[in-house]
PDB file of all heavy atoms in Angstrom:
ATOM      1  N   ALA A   1     173.684 307.540 125.314  1.00  0.00           N
ATOM      2  CA  ALA A   1     173.027 308.822 125.050  1.00  0.00           C
ATOM      3  C   ALA A   1     172.988 309.042 123.530  1.00  0.00           C
ATOM      4  O   ALA A   1     173.877 308.578 122.790  1.00  0.00           O
ATOM      5  CB  ALA A   1     173.778 309.960 125.737  1.00  0.00           C
ATOM      6  N   GLN A   2     171.969 309.758 123.074  1.00  0.00           N
ATOM      7  CA  GLN A   2     171.813 310.008 121.632  1.00  0.00           C
ATOM      8  C   GLN A   2     171.505 311.472 121.356  1.00  0.00           C
ATOM      9  O   GLN A   2     170.892 312.150 122.189  1.00  0.00           O
ATOM     10  CB  GLN A   2     170.709 309.125 121.046  1.00  0.00           C
ATOM     11  CG  GLN A   2     171.018 307.666 121.070  1.00  0.00           C
ATOM     12  CD  GLN A   2     169.939 306.856 120.393  1.00  0.00           C
ATOM     13  OE1 GLN A   2     168.758 307.154 120.478  1.00  0.00           O
ATOM     14  NE2 GLN A   2     170.351 305.828 119.672  1.00  0.00           N
ATOM     15  N   ASN A   3     171.894 311.909 120.184  1.00  0.00           N
ATOM     16  CA  ASN A   3     171.526 313.247 119.708  1.00  0.00           C
ATOM     17  C   ASN A   3     171.026 313.074 118.280  1.00  0.00           C
ATOM     18  O   ASN A   3     171.764 312.611 117.410  1.00  0.00           O
ATOM     19  CB  ASN A   3     172.709 314.210 119.753  1.00  0.00           C
ATOM     20  CG  ASN A   3     172.260 315.654 119.608  1.00  0.00           C
ATOM     21  OD1 ASN A   3     171.217 316.032 120.112  1.00  0.00           O
ATOM     22  ND2 ASN A   3     173.069 316.439 118.941  1.00  0.00           N
ATOM     23  N   GLN A   4     169.759 313.430 118.037  1.00  0.00           N
ATOM     24  CA  GLN A   4     169.113 313.352 116.744  1.00  0.00           C
ATOM     25  C   GLN A   4     169.119 314.742 116.135  1.00  0.00           C
ATOM     26  O   GLN A   4     168.503 315.662 116.675  1.00  0.00           O
ATOM     27  CB  GLN A   4     167.682 312.859 116.876  1.00  0.00           C
ATOM     28  CG  GLN A   4     166.940 312.697 115.581  1.00  0.00           C
ATOM     29  CD  GLN A   4     167.312 311.410 114.876  1.00  0.00           C
ATOM     30  OE1 GLN A   4     167.303 310.371 115.474  1.00  0.00           O
ATOM     31  NE2 GLN A   4     167.632 311.503 113.604  1.00  0.00           N
ATOM     32  N   VAL A   5     169.851 314.931 115.024  1.00  0.00           N
ATOM     33  CA  VAL A   5     169.962 316.245 114.399  1.00  0.00           C
ATOM     34  C   VAL A   5     169.214 316.220 113.052  1.00  0.00           C
ATOM     35  O   VAL A   5     169.416 315.318 112.237  1.00  0.00           O
ATOM     36  CB  VAL A   5     171.436 316.627 114.147  1.00  0.00           C
ATOM     37  CG1 VAL A   5     171.540 317.997 113.470  1.00  0.00           C
ATOM     38  CG2 VAL A   5     172.202 316.618 115.466  1.00  0.00           C
ATOM     39  N   THR A   6     168.365 317.198 112.863  1.00  0.00           N
ATOM     40  CA  THR A   6     167.681 317.362 111.579  1.00  0.00           C
ATOM     41  C   THR A   6     168.328 318.494 110.816  1.00  0.00           C
ATOM     42  O   THR A   6     168.422 319.613 111.342  1.00  0.00           O
ATOM     43  CB  THR A   6     166.178 317.661 111.779  1.00  0.00           C
ATOM     44  OG1 THR A   6     165.587 316.587 112.526  1.00  0.00           O
ATOM     45  CG2 THR A   6     165.453 317.835 110.451  1.00  0.00           C
ATOM     46  N   LEU A   7     168.816 318.196 109.625  1.00  0.00           N
ATOM     47  CA  LEU A   7     169.395 319.193 108.718  1.00  0.00           C
ATOM     48  C   LEU A   7     168.297 319.617 107.749  1.00  0.00           C
ATOM     49  O   LEU A   7     167.655 318.775 107.144  1.00  0.00           O
ATOM     50  CB  LEU A   7     170.569 318.617 107.944  1.00  0.00           C
ATOM     51  CG  LEU A   7     171.130 319.496 106.827  1.00  0.00           C
ATOM     52  CD1 LEU A   7     171.813 320.727 107.422  1.00  0.00           C
ATOM     53  CD2 LEU A   7     172.135 318.707 105.972  1.00  0.00           C
ATOM     54  N   THR A   8     168.055 320.920 107.646  1.00  0.00           N
ATOM     55  CA  THR A   8     167.037 321.458 106.747  1.00  0.00           C
ATOM     56  C   THR A   8     167.674 322.336 105.684  1.00  0.00           C
ATOM     57  O   THR A   8     168.489 323.199 106.009  1.00  0.00           O
ATOM     58  CB  THR A   8     165.970 322.265 107.519  1.00  0.00           C
ATOM     59  OG1 THR A   8     165.365 321.431 108.494  1.00  0.00           O
ATOM     60  CG2 THR A   8     164.915 322.830 106.581  1.00  0.00           C
ATOM     61  N   ALA A   9     167.335 322.085 104.428  1.00  0.00           N
ATOM     62  CA  ALA A   9     167.723 322.943 103.319  1.00  0.00           C
ATOM     63  C   ALA A   9     166.478 323.699 102.882  1.00  0.00           C
ATOM     64  O   ALA A   9     165.505 323.094 102.418  1.00  0.00           O
ATOM     65  CB  ALA A   9     168.276 322.107 102.145  1.00  0.00           C
ATOM     66  N   SER A  10     166.498 325.017 103.064  1.00  0.00           N
ATOM     67  CA  SER A  10     165.373 325.878 102.661  1.00  0.00           C
ATOM     68  C   SER A  10     165.753 326.572 101.356  1.00  0.00           C
ATOM     69  O   SER A  10     166.758 327.275 101.292  1.00  0.00           O
ATOM     70  CB  SER A  10     165.081 326.927 103.745  1.00  0.00           C
ATOM     71  OG  SER A  10     164.771 326.263 104.964  1.00  0.00           O
ATOM     72  N   PHE A  11     164.933 326.351 100.336  1.00  0.00           N
ATOM     73  CA  PHE A  11     165.251 326.845  98.986  1.00  0.00           C
ATOM     74  C   PHE A  11     164.249 327.886  98.552  1.00  0.00           C
ATOM     75  O   PHE A  11     163.045 327.741  98.741  1.00  0.00           O
ATOM     76  CB  PHE A  11     165.227 325.668  98.008  1.00  0.00           C
ATOM     77  CG  PHE A  11     165.731 326.024  96.627  1.00  0.00           C
ATOM     78  CD1 PHE A  11     167.087 326.109  96.401  1.00  0.00           C
ATOM     79  CD2 PHE A  11     164.869 326.263  95.590  1.00  0.00           C
ATOM     80  CE1 PHE A  11     167.568 326.421  95.125  1.00  0.00           C
ATOM     81  CE2 PHE A  11     165.340 326.571  94.323  1.00  0.00           C
ATOM     82  CZ  PHE A  11     166.690 326.651  94.099  1.00  0.00           C
ATOM     83  N   SER A  12     164.759 328.975  97.948  1.00  0.00           N
ATOM     84  CA  SER A  12     163.928 330.026  97.388  1.00  0.00           C
ATOM     85  C   SER A  12     164.213 330.103  95.871  1.00  0.00           C
ATOM     86  O   SER A  12     165.368 330.294  95.468  1.00  0.00           O
ATOM     87  CB  SER A  12     164.271 331.358  98.054  1.00  0.00           C
ATOM     88  OG  SER A  12     163.518 332.398  97.466  1.00  0.00           O
ATOM     89  N   TYR A  13     163.184 329.894  95.049  1.00  0.00           N
ATOM     90  CA  TYR A  13     163.351 329.869  93.594  1.00  0.00           C
ATOM     91  C   TYR A  13     163.549 331.262  93.016  1.00  0.00           C
ATOM     92  O   TYR A  13     162.840 332.202  93.404  1.00  0.00           O
ATOM     93  CB  TYR A  13     162.136 329.212  92.939  1.00  0.00           C
ATOM     94  CG  TYR A  13     162.034 327.731  93.203  1.00  0.00           C
ATOM     95  CD1 TYR A  13     161.427 327.256  94.352  1.00  0.00           C
ATOM     96  CD2 TYR A  13     162.545 326.819  92.295  1.00  0.00           C
ATOM     97  CE1 TYR A  13     161.336 325.902  94.596  1.00  0.00           C
ATOM     98  CE2 TYR A  13     162.451 325.454  92.537  1.00  0.00           C
ATOM     99  CZ  TYR A  13     161.843 325.003  93.692  1.00  0.00           C
ATOM    100  OH  TYR A  13     161.761 323.655  93.934  1.00  0.00           O
ATOM    101  N   THR A  14     164.477 331.385  92.083  1.00  0.00           N
ATOM    102  CA  THR A  14     164.695 332.642  91.360  1.00  0.00           C
ATOM    103  C   THR A  14     163.554 332.849  90.367  1.00  0.00           C
ATOM    104  O   THR A  14     163.104 331.917  89.710  1.00  0.00           O
ATOM    105  CB  THR A  14     166.039 332.594  90.609  1.00  0.00           C
ATOM    106  OG1 THR A  14     167.081 332.381  91.541  1.00  0.00           O
ATOM    107  CG2 THR A  14     166.304 333.877  89.825  1.00  0.00           C
ATOM    108  N   ASN A  15     163.117 334.097  90.242  1.00  0.00           N
ATOM    109  CA  ASN A  15     162.101 334.524  89.249  1.00  0.00           C
ATOM    110  C   ASN A  15     160.730 333.883  89.420  1.00  0.00           C
ATOM    111  O   ASN A  15     159.928 333.879  88.507  1.00  0.00           O
ATOM    112  CB  ASN A  15     162.597 334.234  87.797  1.00  0.00           C
ATOM    113  CG  ASN A  15     163.820 335.071  87.472  1.00  0.00           C
ATOM    114  OD1 ASN A  15     163.959 336.202  87.923  1.00  0.00           O
ATOM    115  ND2 ASN A  15     164.728 334.510  86.697  1.00  0.00           N
ATOM    116  N   ALA A  16     160.427 333.344  90.592  1.00  0.00           N
ATOM    117  CA  ALA A  16     159.095 332.809  90.830  1.00  0.00           C
ATOM    118  C   ALA A  16     158.188 333.965  91.230  1.00  0.00           C
ATOM    119  O   ALA A  16     158.526 334.755  92.113  1.00  0.00           O
ATOM    120  CB  ALA A  16     159.120 331.746  91.912  1.00  0.00           C
ATOM    121  N   SER A  17     157.028 334.038  90.612  1.00  0.00           N
ATOM    122  CA  SER A  17     156.080 335.086  90.939  1.00  0.00           C
ATOM    123  C   SER A  17     154.689 334.493  91.026  1.00  0.00           C
ATOM    124  O   SER A  17     154.188 333.994  90.009  1.00  0.00           O
ATOM    125  CB  SER A  17     156.129 336.183  89.868  1.00  0.00           C
ATOM    126  OG  SER A  17     155.221 337.211  90.207  1.00  0.00           O
ATOM    127  N   PRO A  18     154.080 334.470  92.201  1.00  0.00           N
ATOM    128  CA  PRO A  18     154.606 334.952  93.464  1.00  0.00           C
ATOM    129  C   PRO A  18     155.756 334.087  93.962  1.00  0.00           C
ATOM    130  O   PRO A  18     156.016 333.008  93.407  1.00  0.00           O
ATOM    131  CB  PRO A  18     153.404 334.886  94.403  1.00  0.00           C
ATOM    132  CG  PRO A  18     152.537 333.819  93.838  1.00  0.00           C
ATOM    133  CD  PRO A  18     152.738 333.867  92.350  1.00  0.00           C
ATOM    134  N   ALA A  19     156.427 334.562  95.014  1.00  0.00           N
ATOM    135  CA  ALA A  19     157.597 333.856  95.554  1.00  0.00           C
ATOM    136  C   ALA A  19     157.271 332.390  95.837  1.00  0.00           C
ATOM    137  O   ALA A  19     156.153 332.049  96.222  1.00  0.00           O
ATOM    138  CB  ALA A  19     158.087 334.557  96.824  1.00  0.00           C
ATOM    139  N   LEU A  20     158.258 331.532  95.626  1.00  0.00           N
ATOM    140  CA  LEU A  20     158.082 330.098  95.831  1.00  0.00           C
ATOM    141  C   LEU A  20     159.303 329.540  96.542  1.00  0.00           C
ATOM    142  O   LEU A  20     160.431 329.894  96.220  1.00  0.00           O
ATOM    143  CB  LEU A  20     157.893 329.399  94.464  1.00  0.00           C
ATOM    144  CG  LEU A  20     157.740 327.875  94.487  1.00  0.00           C
ATOM    145  CD1 LEU A  20     156.478 327.476  95.234  1.00  0.00           C
ATOM    146  CD2 LEU A  20     157.703 327.336  93.068  1.00  0.00           C
ATOM    147  N   GLY A  21     159.063 328.657  97.478  1.00  0.00           N
ATOM    148  CA  GLY A  21     160.162 328.024  98.210  1.00  0.00           C
ATOM    149  C   GLY A  21     159.849 326.576  98.478  1.00  0.00           C
ATOM    150  O   GLY A  21     158.724 326.103  98.298  1.00  0.00           O
ATOM    151  N   SER A  22     160.864 325.833  98.887  1.00  0.00           N
ATOM    152  CA  SER A  22     160.698 324.433  99.263  1.00  0.00           C
ATOM    153  C   SER A  22     161.677 324.099 100.385  1.00  0.00           C
ATOM    154  O   SER A  22     162.673 324.809 100.559  1.00  0.00           O
ATOM    155  CB  SER A  22     160.921 323.513  98.060  1.00  0.00           C
ATOM    156  OG  SER A  22     162.270 323.558  97.635  1.00  0.00           O
ATOM    157  N   THR A  23     161.397 323.046 101.112  1.00  0.00           N
ATOM    158  CA  THR A  23     162.326 322.583 102.146  1.00  0.00           C
ATOM    159  C   THR A  23     162.527 321.093 102.015  1.00  0.00           C
ATOM    160  O   THR A  23     161.628 320.355 101.606  1.00  0.00           O
ATOM    161  CB  THR A  23     161.810 322.907 103.575  1.00  0.00           C
ATOM    162  OG1 THR A  23     160.540 322.265 103.759  1.00  0.00           O
ATOM    163  CG2 THR A  23     161.683 324.371 103.818  1.00  0.00           C
ATOM    164  N   HIS A  24     163.733 320.681 102.349  1.00  0.00           N
ATOM    165  CA  HIS A  24     164.087 319.274 102.350  1.00  0.00           C
ATOM    166  C   HIS A  24     164.852 319.028 103.658  1.00  0.00           C
ATOM    167  O   HIS A  24     165.606 319.878 104.110  1.00  0.00           O
ATOM    168  CB  HIS A  24     164.999 318.915 101.161  1.00  0.00           C
ATOM    169  CG  HIS A  24     164.302 319.077  99.837  1.00  0.00           C
ATOM    170  ND1 HIS A  24     163.556 318.072  99.289  1.00  0.00           N
ATOM    171  CD2 HIS A  24     164.207 320.120  98.999  1.00  0.00           C
ATOM    172  CE1 HIS A  24     163.023 318.485  98.131  1.00  0.00           C
ATOM    173  NE2 HIS A  24     163.426 319.735  97.941  1.00  0.00           N
ATOM    174  N   THR A  25     164.647 317.841 104.251  1.00  0.00           N
ATOM    175  CA  THR A  25     165.280 317.538 105.513  1.00  0.00           C
ATOM    176  C   THR A  25     165.977 316.167 105.463  1.00  0.00           C
ATOM    177  O   THR A  25     165.581 315.289 104.688  1.00  0.00           O
ATOM    178  CB  THR A  25     164.305 317.535 106.692  1.00  0.00           C
ATOM    179  OG1 THR A  25     163.303 316.547 106.468  1.00  0.00           O
ATOM    180  CG2 THR A  25     163.682 318.889 106.885  1.00  0.00           C
ATOM    181  N   ARG A  26     167.012 316.048 106.266  1.00  0.00           N
ATOM    182  CA  ARG A  26     167.715 314.796 106.491  1.00  0.00           C
ATOM    183  C   ARG A  26     168.006 314.687 107.977  1.00  0.00           C
ATOM    184  O   ARG A  26     168.029 315.692 108.698  1.00  0.00           O
ATOM    185  CB  ARG A  26     169.030 314.730 105.699  1.00  0.00           C
ATOM    186  CG  ARG A  26     168.804 314.520 104.228  1.00  0.00           C
ATOM    187  CD  ARG A  26     168.189 313.166 104.003  1.00  0.00           C
ATOM    188  NE  ARG A  26     167.852 312.965 102.612  1.00  0.00           N
ATOM    189  CZ  ARG A  26     167.296 311.848 102.154  1.00  0.00           C
ATOM    190  NH1 ARG A  26     166.973 310.896 102.968  1.00  0.00           N
ATOM    191  NH2 ARG A  26     167.068 311.726 100.893  1.00  0.00           N
ATOM    192  N   SER A  27     168.278 313.466 108.430  1.00  0.00           N
ATOM    193  CA  SER A  27     168.475 313.226 109.850  1.00  0.00           C
ATOM    194  C   SER A  27     169.772 312.495 110.119  1.00  0.00           C
ATOM    195  O   SER A  27     170.128 311.567 109.372  1.00  0.00           O
ATOM    196  CB  SER A  27     167.296 312.375 110.349  1.00  0.00           C
ATOM    197  OG  SER A  27     167.415 312.144 111.716  1.00  0.00           O
ATOM    198  N   ASP A  28     170.486 312.942 111.148  1.00  0.00           N
ATOM    199  CA  ASP A  28     171.728 312.283 111.592  1.00  0.00           C
ATOM    200  C   ASP A  28     171.558 311.906 113.059  1.00  0.00           C
ATOM    201  O   ASP A  28     171.137 312.717 113.874  1.00  0.00           O
ATOM    202  CB  ASP A  28     172.931 313.237 111.459  1.00  0.00           C
ATOM    203  CG  ASP A  28     173.214 313.575 109.992  1.00  0.00           C
ATOM    204  OD1 ASP A  28     173.065 312.700 109.133  1.00  0.00           O
ATOM    205  OD2 ASP A  28     173.587 314.728 109.752  1.00  0.00           O
ATOM    206  N   LEU A  29     171.904 310.658 113.376  1.00  0.00           N
ATOM    207  CA  LEU A  29     171.774 310.161 114.743  1.00  0.00           C
ATOM    208  C   LEU A  29     173.156 309.801 115.276  1.00  0.00           C
ATOM    209  O   LEU A  29     173.866 308.956 114.704  1.00  0.00           O
ATOM    210  CB  LEU A  29     170.876 308.933 114.801  1.00  0.00           C
ATOM    211  CG  LEU A  29     170.716 308.284 116.175  1.00  0.00           C
ATOM    212  CD1 LEU A  29     170.028 309.231 117.152  1.00  0.00           C
ATOM    213  CD2 LEU A  29     169.946 306.978 116.057  1.00  0.00           C
ATOM    214  N   THR A  30     173.546 310.431 116.379  1.00  0.00           N
ATOM    215  CA  THR A  30     174.816 310.103 117.050  1.00  0.00           C
ATOM    216  C   THR A  30     174.475 309.384 118.365  1.00  0.00           C
ATOM    217  O   THR A  30     173.652 309.861 119.133  1.00  0.00           O
ATOM    218  CB  THR A  30     175.623 311.380 117.355  1.00  0.00           C
ATOM    219  OG1 THR A  30     175.890 312.057 116.104  1.00  0.00           O
ATOM    220  CG2 THR A  30     176.929 311.047 118.053  1.00  0.00           C
ATOM    221  N   THR A  31     175.106 308.211 118.558  1.00  0.00           N
ATOM    222  CA  THR A  31     174.938 307.449 119.776  1.00  0.00           C
ATOM    223  C   THR A  31     176.276 307.371 120.490  1.00  0.00           C
ATOM    224  O   THR A  31     177.300 307.088 119.883  1.00  0.00           O
ATOM    225  CB  THR A  31     174.443 306.015 119.459  1.00  0.00           C
ATOM    226  OG1 THR A  31     173.200 306.109 118.737  1.00  0.00           O
ATOM    227  CG2 THR A  31     174.237 305.205 120.730  1.00  0.00           C
ATOM    228  N   VAL A  32     176.267 307.622 121.801  1.00  0.00           N
ATOM    229  CA  VAL A  32     177.500 307.568 122.576  1.00  0.00           C
ATOM    230  C   VAL A  32     177.817 306.114 122.887  1.00  0.00           C
ATOM    231  O   VAL A  32     176.966 305.367 123.401  1.00  0.00           O
ATOM    232  CB  VAL A  32     177.391 308.387 123.872  1.00  0.00           C
ATOM    233  CG1 VAL A  32     178.657 308.253 124.721  1.00  0.00           C
ATOM    234  CG2 VAL A  32     177.109 309.847 123.550  1.00  0.00           C
ATOM    235  N   GLY A  33     179.024 305.703 122.550  1.00  0.00           N
ATOM    236  CA  GLY A  33     179.502 304.342 122.757  1.00  0.00           C
ATOM    237  C   GLY A  33     180.737 304.154 121.907  1.00  0.00           C
ATOM    238  O   GLY A  33     181.145 305.076 121.197  1.00  0.00           O
ATOM    239  N   ALA A  34     181.322 302.996 121.956  1.00  0.00           N
ATOM    240  CA  ALA A  34     182.500 302.730 121.125  1.00  0.00           C
ATOM    241  C   ALA A  34     182.115 302.851 119.657  1.00  0.00           C
ATOM    242  O   ALA A  34     181.051 302.411 119.239  1.00  0.00           O
ATOM    243  CB  ALA A  34     183.034 301.335 121.424  1.00  0.00           C
ATOM    244  N   PRO A  35     182.960 303.486 118.846  1.00  0.00           N
ATOM    245  CA  PRO A  35     182.640 303.603 117.415  1.00  0.00           C
ATOM    246  C   PRO A  35     182.306 302.239 116.828  1.00  0.00           C
ATOM    247  O   PRO A  35     182.967 301.258 117.082  1.00  0.00           O
ATOM    248  CB  PRO A  35     183.939 304.155 116.820  1.00  0.00           C
ATOM    249  CG  PRO A  35     184.560 304.931 117.957  1.00  0.00           C
ATOM    250  CD  PRO A  35     184.208 304.115 119.192  1.00  0.00           C
ATOM    251  N   GLY A  36     181.201 302.205 116.079  1.00  0.00           N
ATOM    252  CA  GLY A  36     180.767 300.954 115.436  1.00  0.00           C
ATOM    253  C   GLY A  36     179.843 300.153 116.327  1.00  0.00           C
ATOM    254  O   GLY A  36     179.344 299.102 115.947  1.00  0.00           O
ATOM    255  N   SER A  37     179.524 300.635 117.577  1.00  0.00           N
ATOM    256  CA  SER A  37     178.686 299.857 118.471  1.00  0.00           C
ATOM    257  C   SER A  37     177.291 300.410 118.648  1.00  0.00           C
ATOM    258  O   SER A  37     176.581 300.003 119.554  1.00  0.00           O
ATOM    259  CB  SER A  37     179.367 299.765 119.860  1.00  0.00           C
ATOM    260  OG  SER A  37     179.355 301.032 120.473  1.00  0.00           O
ATOM    261  N   ALA A  38     176.885 301.345 117.798  1.00  0.00           N
ATOM    262  CA  ALA A  38     175.563 301.933 117.941  1.00  0.00           C
ATOM    263  C   ALA A  38     174.512 300.847 117.968  1.00  0.00           C
ATOM    264  O   ALA A  38     174.495 299.943 117.139  1.00  0.00           O
ATOM    265  CB  ALA A  38     175.282 302.908 116.800  1.00  0.00           C
ATOM    266  N   GLY A  39     173.614 300.904 118.943  1.00  0.00           N
ATOM    267  CA  GLY A  39     172.544 299.924 119.025  1.00  0.00           C
ATOM    268  C   GLY A  39     172.912 298.687 119.825  1.00  0.00           C
ATOM    269  O   GLY A  39     172.074 297.833 120.046  1.00  0.00           O
ATOM    270  N   LEU A  40     174.162 298.540 120.234  1.00  0.00           N
ATOM    271  CA  LEU A  40     174.566 297.384 121.027  1.00  0.00           C
ATOM    272  C   LEU A  40     174.579 297.743 122.492  1.00  0.00           C
ATOM    273  O   LEU A  40     174.923 298.858 122.865  1.00  0.00           O
ATOM    274  CB  LEU A  40     175.960 296.889 120.605  1.00  0.00           C
ATOM    275  CG  LEU A  40     176.098 296.461 119.141  1.00  0.00           C
ATOM    276  CD1 LEU A  40     177.540 296.077 118.868  1.00  0.00           C
ATOM    277  CD2 LEU A  40     175.169 295.318 118.840  1.00  0.00           C
ATOM    278  N   THR A  41     174.235 296.792 123.344  1.00  0.00           N
ATOM    279  CA  THR A  41     174.223 297.016 124.785  1.00  0.00           C
ATOM    280  C   THR A  41     175.085 295.973 125.476  1.00  0.00           C
ATOM    281  O   THR A  41     174.966 294.768 125.166  1.00  0.00           O
ATOM    282  CB  THR A  41     172.780 296.944 125.326  1.00  0.00           C
ATOM    283  OG1 THR A  41     171.977 297.832 124.596  1.00  0.00           O
ATOM    284  CG2 THR A  41     172.739 297.272 126.810  1.00  0.00           C
ATOM    285  N   LEU A  42     175.903 296.376 126.404  1.00  0.00           N
ATOM    286  CA  LEU A  42     176.751 295.463 127.144  1.00  0.00           C
ATOM    287  C   LEU A  42     175.969 294.982 128.372  1.00  0.00           C
ATOM    288  O   LEU A  42     175.493 295.795 129.154  1.00  0.00           O
ATOM    289  CB  LEU A  42     178.044 296.156 127.583  1.00  0.00           C
ATOM    290  CG  LEU A  42     179.131 295.287 128.170  1.00  0.00           C
ATOM    291  CD1 LEU A  42     179.587 294.255 127.137  1.00  0.00           C
ATOM    292  CD2 LEU A  42     180.304 296.139 128.623  1.00  0.00           C
ATOM    293  N   VAL A  43     175.823 293.640 128.537  1.00  0.00           N
ATOM    294  CA  VAL A  43     175.090 293.071 129.678  1.00  0.00           C
ATOM    295  C   VAL A  43     175.894 291.971 130.303  1.00  0.00           C
ATOM    296  O   VAL A  43     176.729 291.337 129.632  1.00  0.00           O
ATOM    297  CB  VAL A  43     173.692 292.545 129.272  1.00  0.00           C
ATOM    298  CG1 VAL A  43     172.808 293.629 128.762  1.00  0.00           C
ATOM    299  CG2 VAL A  43     173.816 291.418 128.270  1.00  0.00           C
ATOM    300  N   LYS A  44     175.628 291.677 131.579  1.00  0.00           N
ATOM    301  CA  LYS A  44     176.268 290.538 132.249  1.00  0.00           C
ATOM    302  C   LYS A  44     175.248 289.423 132.358  1.00  0.00           C
ATOM    303  O   LYS A  44     174.124 289.653 132.751  1.00  0.00           O
ATOM    304  CB  LYS A  44     176.771 290.942 133.649  1.00  0.00           C
ATOM    305  CG  LYS A  44     177.975 291.806 133.593  1.00  0.00           C
ATOM    306  CD  LYS A  44     178.563 291.979 134.948  1.00  0.00           C
ATOM    307  CE  LYS A  44     179.818 292.813 134.839  1.00  0.00           C
ATOM    308  NZ  LYS A  44     180.546 292.854 136.081  1.00  0.00           N
ATOM    309  N   SER A  45     175.672 288.216 132.024  1.00  0.00           N
ATOM    310  CA  SER A  45     174.752 287.068 132.152  1.00  0.00           C
ATOM    311  C   SER A  45     174.877 286.480 133.549  1.00  0.00           C
ATOM    312  O   SER A  45     175.709 286.879 134.345  1.00  0.00           O
ATOM    313  CB  SER A  45     175.091 286.030 131.083  1.00  0.00           C
ATOM    314  OG  SER A  45     176.366 285.484 131.344  1.00  0.00           O
TER     315      SER A  45
END
């Protein structure tokens, strides 16, 4: 199972006229499994 989280930083500039803002994003992906095994699958041959 996975959870994809987007972190957003919303910025409002001081003294901007008219008002001005910007956004920046980053992404974190958590995968359920043994630590260090993200992307690996256990199969039987």
